[in-house]
Amino acid sequence: MMLNWKEYRANVKSRVGDLRKLAPEVMKGYAALAGSGEKAVHLDGKTRELIALAVAVTTRCDGCIASHVEAAIGFGASREEIAEALGVAIALNAGAALVYSSRVIDCYDGMSAPASA
């Protein structure tokens, strides 16, 4: 195993608790934002957690992975469902790299073109 995820999750929770004491207003705002999904009426919890896992992968956030795997398991997500959600993240990351690669070429063309008189 790459990481003891349960231990890591506990450590993150502890440090977030420290931050809550140091910056309570920031954490109140974050809690309101994070909790807003619980009030959603069109997506169930498992679907929201599968989306969260795909986003966690694209943003490269281990703390998000630990938190949302725990929640996805709680909502009954299977290993196979999680794998399919991750497939979407992989496809979009490759697609995003392709789109942004075209932007690099566009930028190069714009910067290397002779200045207009």
Protein backbone atom coordinates (compact mmCIF):
# COMPACT_ATOMS: atom_id res chain seq x y z
CA MET A 1 0.00 0.00 0.00
CA MET A 2 1.31 3.49 -0.90
CA LEU A 3 -0.05 5.14 2.20
CA ASN A 4 -1.82 4.16 5.41
CA TRP A 5 -4.96 6.01 4.36
CA LYS A 6 -6.83 5.63 7.66
CA GLU A 7 -3.88 7.08 9.58
CA TYR A 8 -3.40 9.81 6.98
CA ARG A 9 -7.11 10.72 7.15
CA ALA A 10 -6.92 10.96 10.95
CA ASN A 11 -3.84 13.21 10.72
CA VAL A 12 -5.51 15.49 8.19
CA LYS A 13 -8.62 15.76 10.39
CA SER A 14 -6.41 16.68 13.35
CA ARG A 15 -4.58 19.39 11.41
CA VAL A 16 -7.83 20.76 10.02
CA GLY A 17 -8.98 20.98 13.64
CA ASP A 18 -5.90 23.06 14.39
CA LEU A 19 -6.71 25.34 11.46
CA ARG A 20 -10.31 25.63 12.68
CA LYS A 21 -8.98 27.13 15.93
CA LEU A 22 -6.65 29.52 14.10
CA ALA A 23 -9.04 30.65 11.35
CA PRO A 24 -12.60 29.92 12.48
CA GLU A 25 -14.31 32.17 9.94
CA VAL A 26 -12.49 30.55 7.03
CA MET A 27 -13.48 27.14 8.29
CA LYS A 28 -17.11 28.22 8.78
CA GLY A 29 -17.19 29.35 5.17
CA TYR A 30 -15.60 26.11 3.99
CA ALA A 31 -18.04 24.04 6.06
CA ALA A 32 -20.99 25.89 4.52
CA LEU A 33 -19.64 25.30 1.03
CA ALA A 34 -18.77 21.65 1.66
CA GLY A 35 -22.10 20.98 3.34
CA SER A 36 -24.19 22.49 0.56
CA GLY A 37 -24.10 19.21 -1.36
CA GLU A 38 -26.04 17.53 1.41
CA LYS A 39 -28.97 19.80 0.56
CA ALA A 40 -28.91 18.84 -3.13
CA VAL A 41 -32.09 17.21 -4.42
CA HIS A 42 -31.12 15.96 -7.87
CA LEU A 43 -27.98 13.90 -7.13
CA ASP A 44 -27.76 11.27 -4.45
CA GLY A 45 -24.85 11.07 -2.04
CA LYS A 46 -23.08 8.24 -3.83
CA THR A 47 -23.16 10.11 -7.14
CA ARG A 48 -21.82 13.27 -5.49
CA GLU A 49 -19.00 11.28 -3.89
CA LEU A 50 -18.09 9.62 -7.19
CA ILE A 51 -17.88 13.06 -8.79
CA ALA A 52 -15.82 14.28 -5.82
CA LEU A 53 -13.36 11.42 -6.31
CA ALA A 54 -12.93 12.24 -9.99
CA VAL A 55 -12.28 15.86 -9.07
CA ALA A 56 -9.92 14.82 -6.26
CA VAL A 57 -7.83 12.93 -8.80
CA THR A 58 -7.75 15.84 -11.24
CA THR A 59 -6.73 18.26 -8.46
CA ARG A 60 -4.23 15.77 -7.00
CA CYS A 61 -5.54 16.06 -3.43
CA ASP A 62 -4.73 13.10 -1.17
CA GLY A 63 -6.79 14.56 1.66
CA CYS A 64 -9.77 14.81 -0.68
CA ILE A 65 -9.22 11.23 -1.83
CA ALA A 66 -9.18 9.94 1.75
CA SER A 67 -12.24 11.94 2.74
CA HIS A 68 -14.34 11.10 -0.31
CA VAL A 69 -13.40 7.40 -0.45
CA GLU A 70 -14.55 7.14 3.15
CA ALA A 71 -17.82 8.92 2.27
CA ALA A 72 -18.31 6.92 -0.95
CA ILE A 73 -17.94 3.66 0.98
CA GLY A 74 -20.49 4.99 3.46
CA PHE A 75 -22.93 5.57 0.59
CA GLY A 76 -22.35 2.03 -0.70
CA ALA A 77 -20.12 2.78 -3.68
CA SER A 78 -18.38 -0.29 -5.02
CA ARG A 79 -14.78 -0.55 -6.11
CA GLU A 80 -16.04 -0.95 -9.69
CA GLU A 81 -18.20 2.21 -9.53
CA ILE A 82 -15.25 4.15 -8.20
CA ALA A 83 -13.06 2.78 -11.01
CA GLU A 84 -15.59 3.98 -13.62
CA ALA A 85 -15.66 7.46 -12.06
CA LEU A 86 -11.86 7.50 -12.15
CA GLY A 87 -12.00 6.57 -15.83
CA VAL A 88 -13.90 9.81 -16.44
CA ALA A 89 -11.21 11.76 -14.55
CA ILE A 90 -8.48 10.11 -16.60
CA ALA A 91 -10.26 10.87 -19.87
CA LEU A 92 -10.86 14.49 -18.92
CA ASN A 93 -7.32 15.04 -17.73
CA ALA A 94 -6.05 13.80 -21.06
CA GLY A 95 -8.62 15.96 -22.84
CA ALA A 96 -7.68 19.00 -20.78
CA ALA A 97 -4.01 18.42 -21.59
CA LEU A 98 -4.92 18.26 -25.27
CA VAL A 99 -6.95 21.49 -25.14
CA TYR A 100 -4.28 23.35 -23.17
CA SER A 101 -1.59 22.02 -25.51
CA SER A 102 -3.43 23.74 -28.34
CA ARG A 103 -3.36 26.94 -26.25
CA VAL A 104 0.43 26.63 -25.92
CA ILE A 105 0.76 26.39 -29.70
CA ASP A 106 -1.60 29.36 -30.09
CA CYS A 107 0.47 31.36 -27.58
CA TYR A 108 3.68 30.44 -29.37
CA ASP A 109 2.23 31.52 -32.69
CA GLY A 110 1.05 34.80 -31.17
CA MET A 111 4.35 35.57 -29.50
CA SER A 112 6.58 34.56 -32.39
CA ALA A 113 4.60 36.38 -35.12
CA PRO A 114 6.15 39.60 -36.40
CA ALA A 115 4.65 42.69 -34.80
CA SER A 116 2.01 44.42 -36.88
CA ALA A 117 2.98 47.86 -38.07
